[in-house]
PDB file of N, CA and C in Angstrom:
ATOM      1  N   MET A   1      -4.453 -31.109  -9.052  1.00  0.00           N
ATOM      2  CA  MET A   1      -5.060 -30.281  -8.812  1.00  0.00           C
ATOM      3  C   MET A   1      -5.445 -29.256  -9.738  1.00  0.00           C
ATOM      4  N   SER A   2      -6.685 -28.734 -10.160  1.00  0.00           N
ATOM      5  CA  SER A   2      -6.740 -27.819 -11.135  1.00  0.00           C
ATOM      6  C   SER A   2      -6.646 -26.123 -10.851  1.00  0.00           C
ATOM      7  N   LYS A   3      -6.519 -25.569 -11.438  1.00  0.00           N
ATOM      8  CA  LYS A   3      -6.107 -24.049 -11.355  1.00  0.00           C
ATOM      9  C   LYS A   3      -7.556 -23.506 -10.510  1.00  0.00           C
ATOM     10  N   GLU A   4      -8.926 -24.054 -11.040  1.00  0.00           N
ATOM     11  CA  GLU A   4      -9.890 -23.516 -10.660  1.00  0.00           C
ATOM     12  C   GLU A   4     -10.043 -24.082  -9.028  1.00  0.00           C
ATOM     13  N   ILE A   5      -9.751 -25.604  -8.614  1.00  0.00           N
ATOM     14  CA  ILE A   5      -9.561 -25.647  -7.679  1.00  0.00           C
ATOM     15  C   ILE A   5      -9.074 -25.341  -6.537  1.00  0.00           C
ATOM     16  N   ARG A   6      -7.615 -24.848  -7.176  1.00  0.00           N
ATOM     17  CA  ARG A   6      -6.838 -24.048  -6.280  1.00  0.00           C
ATOM     18  C   ARG A   6      -7.103 -22.748  -5.492  1.00  0.00           C
ATOM     19  N   GLN A   7      -7.695 -22.115  -6.593  1.00  0.00           N
ATOM     20  CA  GLN A   7      -8.192 -20.900  -6.442  1.00  0.00           C
ATOM     21  C   GLN A   7      -9.282 -20.809  -5.243  1.00  0.00           C
ATOM     22  N   LYS A   8     -10.230 -21.817  -5.740  1.00  0.00           N
ATOM     23  CA  LYS A   8     -11.085 -21.784  -4.781  1.00  0.00           C
ATOM     24  C   LYS A   8     -10.958 -22.308  -3.047  1.00  0.00           C
ATOM     25  N   LYS A   9     -10.044 -22.912  -3.218  1.00  0.00           N
ATOM     26  CA  LYS A   9      -9.585 -23.083  -1.748  1.00  0.00           C
ATOM     27  C   LYS A   9      -8.630 -21.805  -1.384  1.00  0.00           C
ATOM     28  N   PHE A  10      -8.028 -21.015  -2.455  1.00  0.00           N
ATOM     29  CA  PHE A  10      -7.595 -19.857  -1.333  1.00  0.00           C
ATOM     30  C   PHE A  10      -8.284 -19.146  -1.289  1.00  0.00           C
ATOM     31  N   LYS A  11      -9.584 -19.019  -1.867  1.00  0.00           N
ATOM     32  CA  LYS A  11     -10.382 -17.855  -2.014  1.00  0.00           C
ATOM     33  C   LYS A  11     -11.058 -18.707   0.129  1.00  0.00           C
ATOM     34  N   MET A  12     -11.551 -19.366  -0.199  1.00  0.00           N
ATOM     35  CA  MET A  12     -12.057 -19.977   1.451  1.00  0.00           C
ATOM     36  C   MET A  12     -11.559 -20.281   2.666  1.00  0.00           C
ATOM     37  N   LYS A  13      -9.752 -20.115   2.069  1.00  0.00           N
ATOM     38  CA  LYS A  13      -9.039 -19.829   3.160  1.00  0.00           C
ATOM     39  C   LYS A  13      -8.748 -18.417   3.623  1.00  0.00           C
ATOM     40  N   TRP A  14      -9.090 -17.421   3.030  1.00  0.00           N
ATOM     41  CA  TRP A  14      -9.264 -15.887   3.442  1.00  0.00           C
ATOM     42  C   TRP A  14     -10.802 -15.787   3.996  1.00  0.00           C
ATOM     43  N   VAL A  15     -11.391 -16.084   3.344  1.00  0.00           N
ATOM     44  CA  VAL A  15     -13.047 -16.279   3.980  1.00  0.00           C
ATOM     45  C   VAL A  15     -13.254 -16.308   5.490  1.00  0.00           C
ATOM     46  N   TYR A  16     -12.071 -18.142   5.548  1.00  0.00           N
ATOM     47  CA  TYR A  16     -12.741 -18.609   7.165  1.00  0.00           C
ATOM     48  C   TYR A  16     -11.660 -17.722   7.981  1.00  0.00           C
ATOM     49  N   MET A  17     -10.571 -16.940   7.288  1.00  0.00           N
ATOM     50  CA  MET A  17      -9.422 -16.013   8.702  1.00  0.00           C
ATOM     51  C   MET A  17     -10.429 -14.843   8.754  1.00  0.00           C
ATOM     52  N   PHE A  18     -11.096 -14.659   7.850  1.00  0.00           N
ATOM     53  CA  PHE A  18     -11.697 -13.305   7.892  1.00  0.00           C
ATOM     54  C   PHE A  18     -12.983 -13.461   9.207  1.00  0.00           C
ATOM     55  N   PHE A  19     -13.573 -14.734   9.173  1.00  0.00           N
ATOM     56  CA  PHE A  19     -14.801 -14.792  10.343  1.00  0.00           C
ATOM     57  C   PHE A  19     -14.014 -15.576  11.168  1.00  0.00           C
ATOM     58  N   LEU A  20     -13.068 -15.692  11.345  1.00  0.00           N
ATOM     59  CA  LEU A  20     -12.226 -16.126  12.582  1.00  0.00           C
ATOM     60  C   LEU A  20     -11.727 -14.772  13.419  1.00  0.00           C
ATOM     61  N   THR A  21     -11.371 -14.014  12.457  1.00  0.00           N
ATOM     62  CA  THR A  21     -10.459 -12.718  12.945  1.00  0.00           C
ATOM     63  C   THR A  21     -11.766 -12.569  14.222  1.00  0.00           C
ATOM     64  N   PHE A  22     -12.581 -11.865  12.905  1.00  0.00           N
ATOM     65  CA  PHE A  22     -13.753 -10.668  13.454  1.00  0.00           C
ATOM     66  C   PHE A  22     -15.138 -11.357  14.295  1.00  0.00           C
ATOM     67  N   GLY A  23     -14.934 -13.144  13.775  1.00  0.00           N
ATOM     68  CA  GLY A  23     -16.011 -13.248  14.664  1.00  0.00           C
ATOM     69  C   GLY A  23     -15.956 -13.428  15.938  1.00  0.00           C
ATOM     70  N   SER A  24     -14.500 -13.909  16.055  1.00  0.00           N
ATOM     71  CA  SER A  24     -14.282 -14.181  17.693  1.00  0.00           C
ATOM     72  C   SER A  24     -14.259 -12.702  18.719  1.00  0.00           C
ATOM     73  N   TRP A  25     -13.709 -11.868  17.795  1.00  0.00           N
ATOM     74  CA  TRP A  25     -13.719 -10.095  18.312  1.00  0.00           C
ATOM     75  C   TRP A  25     -15.260 -10.072  18.704  1.00  0.00           C
ATOM     76  N   ALA A  26     -16.384 -10.092  17.765  1.00  0.00           N
ATOM     77  CA  ALA A  26     -17.667 -10.015  17.999  1.00  0.00           C
ATOM     78  C   ALA A  26     -18.303 -10.667  19.320  1.00  0.00           C
ATOM     79  N   ILE A  27     -17.799 -11.392  19.341  1.00  0.00           N
ATOM     80  CA  ILE A  27     -18.273 -12.591  20.310  1.00  0.00           C
ATOM     81  C   ILE A  27     -17.900 -12.293  21.834  1.00  0.00           C
ATOM     82  N   PHE A  28     -15.780 -11.908  21.843  1.00  0.00           N
ATOM     83  CA  PHE A  28     -15.488 -11.789  23.132  1.00  0.00           C
ATOM     84  C   PHE A  28     -15.402 -10.235  23.713  1.00  0.00           C
ATOM     85  N   VAL A  29     -15.892  -9.653  22.555  1.00  0.00           N
ATOM     86  CA  VAL A  29     -15.728  -8.180  23.025  1.00  0.00           C
ATOM     87  C   VAL A  29     -17.112  -7.785  23.972  1.00  0.00           C
ATOM     88  N   PRO A  30     -18.578  -7.914  23.582  1.00  0.00           N
ATOM     89  CA  PRO A  30     -19.496  -7.700  23.968  1.00  0.00           C
ATOM     90  C   PRO A  30     -19.693  -8.439  25.865  1.00  0.00           C
ATOM     91  N   LEU A  31     -18.536  -9.549  25.714  1.00  0.00           N
ATOM     92  CA  LEU A  31     -18.904 -10.491  27.093  1.00  0.00           C
ATOM     93  C   LEU A  31     -18.144  -9.900  27.862  1.00  0.00           C
ATOM     94  N   GLY A  32     -17.523  -8.894  27.443  1.00  0.00           N
ATOM     95  CA  GLY A  32     -16.365  -8.324  28.468  1.00  0.00           C
ATOM     96  C   GLY A  32     -15.108  -9.059  28.732  1.00  0.00           C
ATOM     97  N   LEU A  33     -14.670 -10.099  27.333  1.00  0.00           N
ATOM     98  CA  LEU A  33     -13.785 -10.662  27.228  1.00  0.00           C
ATOM     99  C   LEU A  33     -12.479 -10.433  26.019  1.00  0.00           C
ATOM    100  N   ALA A  34     -12.553  -8.972  26.089  1.00  0.00           N
ATOM    101  CA  ALA A  34     -11.346  -8.194  24.973  1.00  0.00           C
ATOM    102  C   ALA A  34      -9.987  -8.944  25.332  1.00  0.00           C
ATOM    103  N   ASP A  35      -9.317  -8.835  26.027  1.00  0.00           N
ATOM    104  CA  ASP A  35      -8.223  -9.695  26.599  1.00  0.00           C
ATOM    105  C   ASP A  35      -8.172 -10.776  25.606  1.00  0.00           C
ATOM    106  N   VAL A  36      -9.215 -11.487  25.853  1.00  0.00           N
ATOM    107  CA  VAL A  36      -9.005 -12.807  25.141  1.00  0.00           C
ATOM    108  C   VAL A  36      -9.186 -12.917  23.302  1.00  0.00           C
ATOM    109  N   ALA A  37      -9.908 -11.568  22.600  1.00  0.00           N
ATOM    110  CA  ALA A  37      -9.725 -11.485  21.685  1.00  0.00           C
ATOM    111  C   ALA A  37      -8.960 -10.309  20.872  1.00  0.00           C
ATOM    112  N   ASP A  38      -8.444 -10.017  21.911  1.00  0.00           N
ATOM    113  CA  ASP A  38      -6.724  -9.366  21.372  1.00  0.00           C
ATOM    114  C   ASP A  38      -5.812 -10.674  21.589  1.00  0.00           C
ATOM    115  N   ASP A  39      -5.685 -11.635  22.757  1.00  0.00           N
ATOM    116  CA  ASP A  39      -4.906 -12.690  22.484  1.00  0.00           C
ATOM    117  C   ASP A  39      -4.943 -13.633  21.104  1.00  0.00           C
ATOM    118  N   LEU A  40      -6.242 -13.978  20.870  1.00  0.00           N
ATOM    119  CA  LEU A  40      -6.546 -14.702  19.287  1.00  0.00           C
ATOM    120  C   LEU A  40      -5.958 -13.886  18.252  1.00  0.00           C
ATOM    121  N   MET A  41      -6.329 -12.610  18.193  1.00  0.00           N
ATOM    122  CA  MET A  41      -6.014 -12.044  17.409  1.00  0.00           C
ATOM    123  C   MET A  41      -4.617 -11.807  16.501  1.00  0.00           C
ATOM    124  N   SER A  42      -3.793 -11.290  17.948  1.00  0.00           N
ATOM    125  CA  SER A  42      -2.420 -11.273  17.647  1.00  0.00           C
ATOM    126  C   SER A  42      -1.380 -12.894  17.746  1.00  0.00           C
ATOM    127  N   ALA A  43      -2.160 -13.977  18.277  1.00  0.00           N
ATOM    128  CA  ALA A  43      -1.565 -14.877  17.818  1.00  0.00           C
ATOM    129  C   ALA A  43      -2.029 -15.498  16.219  1.00  0.00           C
ATOM    130  N   ILE A  44      -2.651 -15.154  15.291  1.00  0.00           N
ATOM    131  CA  ILE A  44      -2.713 -15.335  14.027  1.00  0.00           C
ATOM    132  C   ILE A  44      -2.125 -14.005  13.026  1.00  0.00           C
ATOM    133  N   GLY A  45      -1.511 -12.815  14.340  1.00  0.00           N
ATOM    134  CA  GLY A  45      -0.769 -12.170  13.316  1.00  0.00           C
ATOM    135  C   GLY A  45      -1.413 -10.690  12.494  1.00  0.00           C
ATOM    136  N   VAL A  46      -3.009 -10.517  13.752  1.00  0.00           N
ATOM    137  CA  VAL A  46      -3.464  -9.427  13.685  1.00  0.00           C
ATOM    138  C   VAL A  46      -2.896  -8.492  14.221  1.00  0.00           C
ATOM    139  N   VAL A  47      -2.850  -7.123  14.360  1.00  0.00           N
ATOM    140  CA  VAL A  47      -2.156  -6.196  14.580  1.00  0.00           C
ATOM    141  C   VAL A  47      -3.414  -5.396  15.260  1.00  0.00           C
ATOM    142  N   LYS A  48      -3.450  -4.464  16.501  1.00  0.00           N
ATOM    143  CA  LYS A  48      -4.351  -3.447  16.949  1.00  0.00           C
ATOM    144  C   LYS A  48      -3.935  -2.479  16.230  1.00  0.00           C
ATOM    145  N   PHE A  49      -4.530  -1.401  15.425  1.00  0.00           N
ATOM    146  CA  PHE A  49      -4.319  -0.095  15.185  1.00  0.00           C
ATOM    147  C   PHE A  49      -4.730   0.633  16.110  1.00  0.00           C
ATOM    148  N   THR A  50      -3.819   1.472  16.404  1.00  0.00           N
ATOM    149  CA  THR A  50      -4.008   2.378  17.974  1.00  0.00           C
ATOM    150  C   THR A  50      -3.902   3.654  17.188  1.00  0.00           C
ATOM    151  N   GLY A  51      -3.738   4.248  15.660  1.00  0.00           N
ATOM    152  CA  GLY A  51      -3.992   5.270  15.499  1.00  0.00           C
ATOM    153  C   GLY A  51      -5.065   5.950  15.299  1.00  0.00           C
ATOM    154  N   GLU A  52      -5.587   7.241  14.339  1.00  0.00           N
ATOM    155  CA  GLU A  52      -6.518   7.872  14.313  1.00  0.00           C
ATOM    156  C   GLU A  52      -6.326   7.865  12.981  1.00  0.00           C
ATOM    157  N   ILE A  53      -7.215   8.058  12.033  1.00  0.00           N
ATOM    158  CA  ILE A  53      -7.080   7.663  10.524  1.00  0.00           C
ATOM    159  C   ILE A  53      -8.791   8.919  10.035  1.00  0.00           C
ATOM    160  N   ASN A  54      -8.465  10.025   9.588  1.00  0.00           N
ATOM    161  CA  ASN A  54      -9.565  10.628   9.060  1.00  0.00           C
ATOM    162  C   ASN A  54      -9.895  10.685   7.680  1.00  0.00           C
ATOM    163  N   ALA A  55     -10.940   9.782   7.178  1.00  0.00           N
ATOM    164  CA  ALA A  55     -11.278   9.790   6.019  1.00  0.00           C
ATOM    165  C   ALA A  55     -11.619  11.537   4.876  1.00  0.00           C
ATOM    166  N   PRO A  56     -11.220  11.511   4.130  1.00  0.00           N
ATOM    167  CA  PRO A  56     -11.370  12.707   3.236  1.00  0.00           C
ATOM    168  C   PRO A  56     -12.919  13.208   3.234  1.00  0.00           C
ATOM    169  N   GLY A  57     -13.667  13.692   3.168  1.00  0.00           N
ATOM    170  CA  GLY A  57     -15.044  14.179   3.042  1.00  0.00           C
ATOM    171  C   GLY A  57     -15.613  13.920   1.669  1.00  0.00           C
ATOM    172  N   PHE A  58     -16.758  13.567   1.747  1.00  0.00           N
ATOM    173  CA  PHE A  58     -17.172  13.528   0.206  1.00  0.00           C
ATOM    174  C   PHE A  58     -18.850  13.496   0.409  1.00  0.00           C
ATOM    175  N   VAL A  59     -19.410  13.531  -0.797  1.00  0.00           N
ATOM    176  CA  VAL A  59     -20.812  13.812  -0.857  1.00  0.00           C
ATOM    177  C   VAL A  59     -21.197  12.718  -2.008  1.00  0.00           C
ATOM    178  N   ALA A  60     -22.000  11.717  -1.255  1.00  0.00           N
ATOM    179  CA  ALA A  60     -23.048  10.650  -2.155  1.00  0.00           C
ATOM    180  C   ALA A  60     -24.313  10.643  -2.301  1.00  0.00           C
ATOM    181  N   ASP A  61     -24.956  10.119  -3.221  1.00  0.00           N
ATOM    182  CA  ASP A  61     -26.032  10.597  -3.974  1.00  0.00           C
ATOM    183  C   ASP A  61     -26.837   9.294  -2.751  1.00  0.00           C
ATOM    184  N   GLY A  62     -28.060   9.745  -1.817  1.00  0.00           N
ATOM    185  CA  GLY A  62     -28.792   9.121  -1.004  1.00  0.00           C
ATOM    186  C   GLY A  62     -29.548   8.469  -1.469  1.00  0.00           C
ATOM    187  N   LEU A  63     -30.600   7.453  -0.954  1.00  0.00           N
ATOM    188  CA  LEU A  63     -31.627   7.041  -1.496  1.00  0.00           C
ATOM    189  C   LEU A  63     -32.704   7.109  -1.769  1.00  0.00           C
ATOM    190  N   GLU A  64     -32.900   8.474  -1.060  1.00  0.00           N
ATOM    191  CA  GLU A  64     -34.316   8.946  -1.661  1.00  0.00           C
ATOM    192  C   GLU A  64     -33.451  10.684  -2.114  1.00  0.00           C
ATOM    193  N   SER A  65     -32.924  10.385  -3.133  1.00  0.00           N
ATOM    194  CA  SER A  65     -32.095  11.859  -3.617  1.00  0.00           C
ATOM    195  C   SER A  65     -31.448  12.562  -2.876  1.00  0.00           C
ATOM    196  N   GLU A  66     -31.045  12.626  -1.941  1.00  0.00           N
ATOM    197  CA  GLU A  66     -30.613  13.710  -1.052  1.00  0.00           C
ATOM    198  C   GLU A  66     -28.925  12.843  -0.639  1.00  0.00           C
ATOM    199  N   ASP A  67     -28.488  14.384  -0.515  1.00  0.00           N
ATOM    200  CA  ASP A  67     -26.815  14.123  -0.799  1.00  0.00           C
ATOM    201  C   ASP A  67     -26.637  13.741   0.909  1.00  0.00           C
ATOM    202  N   VAL A  68     -26.144  12.939   0.756  1.00  0.00           N
ATOM    203  CA  VAL A  68     -25.231  12.111   2.034  1.00  0.00           C
ATOM    204  C   VAL A  68     -23.746  12.670   2.234  1.00  0.00           C
ATOM    205  N   ARG A  69     -23.291  13.424   3.261  1.00  0.00           N
ATOM    206  CA  ARG A  69     -22.322  13.868   4.113  1.00  0.00           C
ATOM    207  C   ARG A  69     -21.201  12.998   4.259  1.00  0.00           C
ATOM    208  N   LEU A  70     -20.310  12.552   4.597  1.00  0.00           N
ATOM    209  CA  LEU A  70     -19.785  11.526   5.209  1.00  0.00           C
ATOM    210  C   LEU A  70     -19.264  13.135   6.519  1.00  0.00           C
ATOM    211  N   ASP A  71     -18.897  13.370   6.128  1.00  0.00           N
ATOM    212  CA  ASP A  71     -18.594  14.367   7.462  1.00  0.00           C
ATOM    213  C   ASP A  71     -19.393  14.609   8.167  1.00  0.00           C
ATOM    214  N   ASP A  72     -21.427  14.606   8.105  1.00  0.00           N
ATOM    215  CA  ASP A  72     -22.386  14.225   8.984  1.00  0.00           C
ATOM    216  C   ASP A  72     -22.221  13.167   9.705  1.00  0.00           C
ATOM    217  N   PHE A  73     -21.218  11.922   9.658  1.00  0.00           N
ATOM    218  CA  PHE A  73     -21.268  11.215  10.213  1.00  0.00           C
ATOM    219  C   PHE A  73     -19.480  11.299  11.132  1.00  0.00           C
ATOM    220  N   ARG A  74     -19.508  12.026  11.493  1.00  0.00           N
ATOM    221  CA  ARG A  74     -17.728  12.609  11.863  1.00  0.00           C
ATOM    222  C   ARG A  74     -17.650  12.106  13.207  1.00  0.00           C
ATOM    223  N   GLY A  75     -16.953  11.555  13.542  1.00  0.00           N
ATOM    224  CA  GLY A  75     -17.427  10.779  15.467  1.00  0.00           C
ATOM    225  C   GLY A  75     -18.039   9.169  15.287  1.00  0.00           C
ATOM    226  N   LYS A  76     -18.607   9.052  14.145  1.00  0.00           N
ATOM    227  CA  LYS A  76     -19.336   7.684  14.371  1.00  0.00           C
ATOM    228  C   LYS A  76     -18.198   6.916  13.836  1.00  0.00           C
ATOM    229  N   ILE A  77     -18.288   5.137  14.015  1.00  0.00           N
ATOM    230  CA  ILE A  77     -17.509   4.706  13.397  1.00  0.00           C
ATOM    231  C   ILE A  77     -18.821   4.285  12.156  1.00  0.00           C
ATOM    232  N   VAL A  78     -18.128   4.217  10.801  1.00  0.00           N
ATOM    233  CA  VAL A  78     -18.890   4.281   9.166  1.00  0.00           C
ATOM    234  C   VAL A  78     -18.148   3.285   8.975  1.00  0.00           C
ATOM    235  N   LEU A  79     -18.766   1.924   8.197  1.00  0.00           N
ATOM    236  CA  LEU A  79     -18.323   1.248   7.290  1.00  0.00           C
ATOM    237  C   LEU A  79     -19.043   1.561   5.843  1.00  0.00           C
ATOM    238  N   ILE A  80     -18.163   1.742   4.889  1.00  0.00           N
ATOM    239  CA  ILE A  80     -18.474   2.239   3.061  1.00  0.00           C
ATOM    240  C   ILE A  80     -18.372   1.000   2.563  1.00  0.00           C
ATOM    241  N   ASP A  81     -18.976   0.729   1.839  1.00  0.00           N
ATOM    242  CA  ASP A  81     -18.856  -0.387   0.856  1.00  0.00           C
ATOM    243  C   ASP A  81     -19.030  -0.174  -0.487  1.00  0.00           C
ATOM    244  N   PHE A  82     -17.846   0.164  -1.542  1.00  0.00           N
ATOM    245  CA  PHE A  82     -17.913   0.461  -2.867  1.00  0.00           C
ATOM    246  C   PHE A  82     -17.914  -0.619  -3.291  1.00  0.00           C
ATOM    247  N   TRP A  83     -19.293  -1.213  -4.052  1.00  0.00           N
ATOM    248  CA  TRP A  83     -19.721  -2.235  -4.608  1.00  0.00           C
ATOM    249  C   TRP A  83     -20.046  -2.047  -5.895  1.00  0.00           C
ATOM    250  N   ALA A  84     -19.525  -3.102  -6.875  1.00  0.00           N
ATOM    251  CA  ALA A  84     -19.551  -2.819  -8.538  1.00  0.00           C
ATOM    252  C   ALA A  84     -20.295  -4.089  -8.909  1.00  0.00           C
ATOM    253  N   THR A  85     -20.739  -4.288  -9.983  1.00  0.00           N
ATOM    254  CA  THR A  85     -21.845  -4.836 -10.824  1.00  0.00           C
ATOM    255  C   THR A  85     -21.024  -5.395 -11.579  1.00  0.00           C
ATOM    256  N   TRP A  86     -19.873  -5.362 -12.254  1.00  0.00           N
ATOM    257  CA  TRP A  86     -19.340  -5.502 -14.118  1.00  0.00           C
ATOM    258  C   TRP A  86     -19.219  -7.111 -13.424  1.00  0.00           C
TER     259      TRP A  86
END
């Protein structure tokens, strides 16, 4: 098996695991079956984080040239995607 095929299989394995983990959570929790989602995640070795982490504040350029501050979203769930095009 070539190196390229092994790398592709490795990447696909992680993509599959990601969707299995978070997909099951996204389906079971809204249905009131959070215990089932927790059991599935613990079965594959995902540990639920129970602590609190506060991200350091920073300012980024918004879509309309305004400043967007992370502190403006305090208390809300925020997903930040640092994406590069290189």
